C-alpha atoms as a PDB file:
ATOM      1  CA  MET A   1     187.484 164.457 156.281  1.00  0.00           C
ATOM      2  CA  PRO A   2     184.209 163.838 154.226  1.00  0.00           C
ATOM      3  CA  PRO A   3     181.847 166.362 153.092  1.00  0.00           C
ATOM      4  CA  SER A   4     179.133 166.851 155.203  1.00  0.00           C
ATOM      5  CA  HIS A   5     175.687 166.465 153.698  1.00  0.00           C
ATOM      6  CA  PRO A   6     172.358 167.077 154.477  1.00  0.00           C
ATOM      7  CA  PRO A   7     170.225 163.885 155.721  1.00  0.00           C
ATOM      8  CA  ALA A   8     169.509 162.058 152.236  1.00  0.00           C
ATOM      9  CA  ASN A   9     165.522 162.079 153.493  1.00  0.00           C
ATOM     10  CA  SER A  10     165.398 165.794 153.780  1.00  0.00           C
ATOM     11  CA  SER A  11     167.568 166.373 150.664  1.00  0.00           C
ATOM     12  CA  LEU A  12     165.251 164.096 148.642  1.00  0.00           C
ATOM     13  CA  GLU A  13     161.912 165.849 150.038  1.00  0.00           C
ATOM     14  CA  SER A  14     163.671 169.069 148.812  1.00  0.00           C
ATOM     15  CA  ALA A  15     164.444 167.812 145.587  1.00  0.00           C
ATOM     16  CA  LEU A  16     160.773 166.489 144.953  1.00  0.00           C
ATOM     17  CA  GLN A  17     159.600 169.759 145.783  1.00  0.00           C
ATOM     18  CA  THR A  18     162.172 171.525 143.702  1.00  0.00           C
ATOM     19  CA  LEU A  19     160.593 169.504 140.862  1.00  0.00           C
ATOM     20  CA  ARG A  20     156.958 170.777 141.791  1.00  0.00           C
ATOM     21  CA  ASP A  21     158.144 174.092 141.963  1.00  0.00           C
ATOM     22  CA  HIS A  22     159.063 173.796 138.409  1.00  0.00           C
ATOM     23  CA  GLN A  23     155.773 172.245 137.427  1.00  0.00           C
ATOM     24  CA  ALA A  24     157.276 168.979 136.788  1.00  0.00           C
ATOM     25  CA  ARG A  25     155.620 165.799 137.303  1.00  0.00           C
ATOM     26  CA  VAL A  26     157.200 163.697 140.453  1.00  0.00           C
ATOM     27  CA  THR A  27     157.067 160.195 138.820  1.00  0.00           C
ATOM     28  CA  GLU A  28     158.066 157.286 140.113  1.00  0.00           C
ATOM     29  CA  PRO A  29     161.419 157.198 137.979  1.00  0.00           C
ATOM     30  CA  ARG A  30     162.210 160.374 138.861  1.00  0.00           C
ATOM     31  CA  ARG A  31     161.756 159.230 142.339  1.00  0.00           C
ATOM     32  CA  ALA A  32     163.610 156.781 142.024  1.00  0.00           C
ATOM     33  CA  ILE A  33     166.639 158.474 140.581  1.00  0.00           C
ATOM     34  CA  LEU A  34     166.811 161.315 143.218  1.00  0.00           C
ATOM     35  CA  THR A  35     166.094 158.873 145.998  1.00  0.00           C
ATOM     36  CA  ILE A  36     169.534 157.373 144.964  1.00  0.00           C
ATOM     37  CA  LEU A  37     171.139 160.516 144.049  1.00  0.00           C
ATOM     38  CA  THR A  38     170.081 162.073 147.794  1.00  0.00           C
ATOM     39  CA  SER A  39     171.201 159.033 149.467  1.00  0.00           C
ATOM     40  CA  GLU A  40     174.447 157.839 147.689  1.00  0.00           C
ATOM     41  CA  HIS A  41     177.323 160.369 146.909  1.00  0.00           C
ATOM     42  CA  GLY A  42     177.923 159.811 143.339  1.00  0.00           C
ATOM     43  CA  PRO A  43     178.909 161.006 140.602  1.00  0.00           C
ATOM     44  CA  PHE A  44     176.909 157.879 138.745  1.00  0.00           C
ATOM     45  CA  THR A  45     176.797 156.962 134.922  1.00  0.00           C
ATOM     46  CA  VAL A  46     173.661 156.974 133.784  1.00  0.00           C
ATOM     47  CA  GLU A  47     174.088 153.029 132.979  1.00  0.00           C
ATOM     48  CA  GLU A  48     174.962 152.918 136.846  1.00  0.00           C
ATOM     49  CA  ILE A  49     171.811 154.889 138.182  1.00  0.00           C
ATOM     50  CA  TYR A  50     169.611 152.764 136.046  1.00  0.00           C
ATOM     51  CA  GLN A  51     171.388 149.488 137.279  1.00  0.00           C
ATOM     52  CA  ARG A  52     170.590 150.719 140.801  1.00  0.00           C
ATOM     53  CA  ILE A  53     166.970 151.321 140.310  1.00  0.00           C
ATOM     54  CA  GLU A  54     164.518 148.548 141.148  1.00  0.00           C
ATOM     55  CA  LYS A  55     163.770 146.206 138.283  1.00  0.00           C
ATOM     56  CA  GLY A  56     160.634 147.460 136.196  1.00  0.00           C
ATOM     57  CA  VAL A  57     160.460 151.208 137.144  1.00  0.00           C
ATOM     58  CA  CYS A  58     161.095 152.425 134.129  1.00  0.00           C
ATOM     59  CA  ASP A  59     163.931 151.836 131.024  1.00  0.00           C
ATOM     60  CA  LEU A  60     167.209 153.385 130.417  1.00  0.00           C
ATOM     61  CA  VAL A  61     165.680 155.870 127.971  1.00  0.00           C
ATOM     62  CA  THR A  62     163.729 157.111 131.111  1.00  0.00           C
ATOM     63  CA  VAL A  63     166.446 157.602 133.127  1.00  0.00           C
ATOM     64  CA  TYR A  64     168.155 159.613 130.100  1.00  0.00           C
ATOM     65  CA  ARG A  65     165.117 161.590 129.874  1.00  0.00           C
ATOM     66  CA  SER A  66     164.498 161.981 133.561  1.00  0.00           C
ATOM     67  CA  LEU A  67     168.221 163.252 134.151  1.00  0.00           C
ATOM     68  CA  ALA A  68     168.036 165.722 131.241  1.00  0.00           C
ATOM     69  CA  ALA A  69     165.192 167.734 132.592  1.00  0.00           C
ATOM     70  CA  MET A  70     166.405 167.900 136.144  1.00  0.00           C
ATOM     71  CA  GLU A  71     169.967 169.252 134.905  1.00  0.00           C
ATOM     72  CA  GLU A  72     167.608 171.463 133.267  1.00  0.00           C
ATOM     73  CA  ILE A  73     166.263 172.921 136.725  1.00  0.00           C
ATOM     74  CA  ASN A  74     169.647 172.086 138.255  1.00  0.00           C
ATOM     75  CA  LEU A  75     168.305 169.106 140.488  1.00  0.00           C
ATOM     76  CA  VAL A  76     171.504 167.644 139.312  1.00  0.00           C
ATOM     77  CA  ARG A  77     174.902 167.983 138.026  1.00  0.00           C
ATOM     78  CA  ARG A  78     176.217 166.329 135.007  1.00  0.00           C
ATOM     79  CA  CYS A  79     180.026 165.868 135.239  1.00  0.00           C
ATOM     80  CA  ASP A  80     182.565 165.323 132.221  1.00  0.00           C
ATOM     81  CA  PHE A  81     185.566 163.326 133.168  1.00  0.00           C
ATOM     82  CA  GLY A  82     186.755 162.843 129.353  1.00  0.00           C
ATOM     83  CA  ASP A  83     186.214 159.383 129.427  1.00  0.00           C
ATOM     84  CA  GLY A  84     182.997 159.621 127.070  1.00  0.00           C
ATOM     85  CA  ALA A  85     180.324 159.019 129.476  1.00  0.00           C
ATOM     86  CA  TYR A  86     178.771 161.779 131.928  1.00  0.00           C
ATOM     87  CA  ARG A  87     178.396 161.106 135.357  1.00  0.00           C
ATOM     88  CA  TYR A  88     175.601 162.859 137.152  1.00  0.00           C
ATOM     89  CA  GLU A  89     175.225 163.931 140.934  1.00  0.00           C
ATOM     90  CA  PHE A  90     172.474 165.658 143.373  1.00  0.00           C
ATOM     91  CA  ASN A  91     173.439 169.526 142.986  1.00  0.00           C
ATOM     92  CA  THR A  92     172.824 170.243 146.885  1.00  0.00           C
ATOM     93  CA  GLY A  93     173.538 173.875 145.355  1.00  0.00           C
ATOM     94  CA  ASP A  94     175.311 174.760 148.846  1.00  0.00           C
ATOM     95  CA  HIS A  95     178.134 172.473 148.447  1.00  0.00           C
ATOM     96  CA  HIS A  96     180.462 173.128 145.674  1.00  0.00           C
ATOM     97  CA  HIS A  97     182.862 170.740 145.042  1.00  0.00           C
ATOM     98  CA  HIS A  98     185.595 169.134 142.418  1.00  0.00           C
ATOM     99  CA  HIS A  99     186.803 165.561 141.759  1.00  0.00           C
ATOM    100  CA  ILE A 100     189.916 163.738 141.251  1.00  0.00           C
ATOM    101  CA  ILE A 101     189.589 160.927 139.204  1.00  0.00           C
ATOM    102  CA  CYS A 102     192.073 158.039 139.008  1.00  0.00           C
ATOM    103  CA  ARG A 103     193.206 157.425 135.067  1.00  0.00           C
ATOM    104  CA  THR A 104     193.887 153.707 135.843  1.00  0.00           C
ATOM    105  CA  CYS A 105     190.795 152.511 137.661  1.00  0.00           C
ATOM    106  CA  ARG A 106     188.517 155.630 137.077  1.00  0.00           C
ATOM    107  CA  SER A 107     187.787 155.708 141.108  1.00  0.00           C
ATOM    108  CA  VAL A 108     186.343 159.077 141.888  1.00  0.00           C
ATOM    109  CA  LYS A 109     187.396 161.081 145.206  1.00  0.00           C
ATOM    110  CA  THR A 110     185.810 164.601 146.182  1.00  0.00           C
ATOM    111  CA  LEU A 111     188.055 167.513 146.379  1.00  0.00           C
ATOM    112  CA  ASP A 112     185.889 170.452 148.930  1.00  0.00           C
ATOM    113  CA  PHE A 113     188.739 173.024 148.291  1.00  0.00           C
ATOM    114  CA  CYS A 114     188.073 175.267 145.494  1.00  0.00           C
ATOM    115  CA  VAL A 115     190.510 177.143 143.655  1.00  0.00           C
ATOM    116  CA  ALA A 116     188.435 178.572 141.025  1.00  0.00           C
ATOM    117  CA  ASP A 117     185.778 180.572 143.110  1.00  0.00           C
ATOM    118  CA  SER A 118     187.969 183.772 143.036  1.00  0.00           C
ATOM    119  CA  LEU A 119     188.320 183.337 138.953  1.00  0.00           C
ATOM    120  CA  GLU A 120     184.330 183.305 138.986  1.00  0.00           C
ATOM    121  CA  ARG A 121     184.183 186.682 141.135  1.00  0.00           C
ATOM    122  CA  MET A 122     186.837 188.226 138.873  1.00  0.00           C
ATOM    123  CA  ALA A 123     184.924 187.310 135.821  1.00  0.00           C
ATOM    124  CA  ARG A 124     181.396 188.783 137.338  1.00  0.00           C
ATOM    125  CA  GLN A 125     183.481 191.931 138.144  1.00  0.00           C
ATOM    126  CA  LEU A 126     184.555 192.086 134.512  1.00  0.00           C
ATOM    127  CA  GLY A 127     180.695 192.025 133.875  1.00  0.00           C
ATOM    128  CA  TYR A 128     179.630 188.705 132.966  1.00  0.00           C
ATOM    129  CA  GLU A 129     176.565 186.736 134.155  1.00  0.00           C
ATOM    130  CA  ASN A 130     175.431 183.582 134.738  1.00  0.00           C
ATOM    131  CA  VAL A 131     179.248 182.429 135.328  1.00  0.00           C
ATOM    132  CA  THR A 132     179.891 179.020 136.156  1.00  0.00           C
ATOM    133  CA  HIS A 133     182.769 176.583 135.898  1.00  0.00           C
ATOM    134  CA  THR A 134     184.069 173.123 136.142  1.00  0.00           C
ATOM    135  CA  LEU A 135     187.385 171.703 137.352  1.00  0.00           C
ATOM    136  CA  GLU A 136     188.122 167.804 137.640  1.00  0.00           C
ATOM    137  CA  ILE A 137     191.690 166.767 138.055  1.00  0.00           C
ATOM    138  CA  PHE A 138     193.201 163.450 136.997  1.00  0.00           C
ATOM    139  CA  GLY A 139     195.849 161.327 138.022  1.00  0.00           C
ATOM    140  CA  VAL A 140     196.924 157.949 139.005  1.00  0.00           C
ATOM    141  CA  CYS A 141     195.590 156.740 142.708  1.00  0.00           C
ATOM    142  CA  VAL A 142     198.175 155.189 145.336  1.00  0.00           C
ATOM    143  CA  ASN A 143     196.296 151.678 144.827  1.00  0.00           C
ATOM    144  CA  CYS A 144     197.255 151.785 140.907  1.00  0.00           C
ATOM    145  CA  GLN A 145     200.518 152.923 141.532  1.00  0.00           C
ATOM    146  CA  LYS A 146     201.084 149.999 143.893  1.00  0.00           C
ATOM    147  CA  LYS A 147     199.542 147.263 141.643  1.00  0.00           C
ATOM    148  CA  ALA A 148     201.736 148.540 138.881  1.00  0.00           C
ATOM    149  CA  ALA A 149     204.755 148.315 140.989  1.00  0.00           C
ATOM    150  CA  ARG A 150     203.911 144.920 142.212  1.00  0.00           C
ATOM    151  CA  ALA A 151     203.497 143.687 138.603  1.00  0.00           C
ATOM    152  CA  GLY A 152     206.901 145.128 137.897  1.00  0.00           C
ATOM    153  CA  GLY A 153     205.564 147.449 134.775  1.00  0.00           C
ATOM    154  CA  PRO A 154     205.960 151.039 134.162  1.00  0.00           C
ATOM    155  CA  ASN A 155     205.015 153.453 137.012  1.00  0.00           C
ATOM    156  CA  PRO A 156     201.532 154.793 135.994  1.00  0.00           C
ATOM    157  CA  ALA A 157     202.337 158.289 137.358  1.00  0.00           C
ATOM    158  CA  VAL A 158     205.131 158.863 135.447  1.00  0.00           C
ATOM    159  CA  PRO A 159     204.543 159.786 132.255  1.00  0.00           C
ATOM    160  CA  GLY A 160     206.348 157.752 129.324  1.00  0.00           C
END
């Protein structure tokens, strides 16, 4: 079952208010980035976000800088899938989740169940502060397994 998210327009307004609360300017590029991230479930690379923005609104460097500023105030969450490209998604704050990534086609699915929350609680009980975690799971999706089987190639799901 897909995760339930608040309506995109209320998420966008909340995100814009968060920018204001942190004395960050609400610029056209930031509004465009947040519109994408609150209306479409990412995560997206910087280049993917840039391609979704209306032409002429900003350049690629502005997207990088805007995402970095929004990450500092926890508006966006950076995901590292181990392929050298960071991805960003809107940080709803109340919807903690992880991802499973196909090693072959790089498709991403959201996993709403978290097994690491109890580990975070244990770390806090040990006296640690500002405890966070990331967990990304990698595998080969069913579609890629079928494609490999049709092509007569090795099964990508079985390590060689």
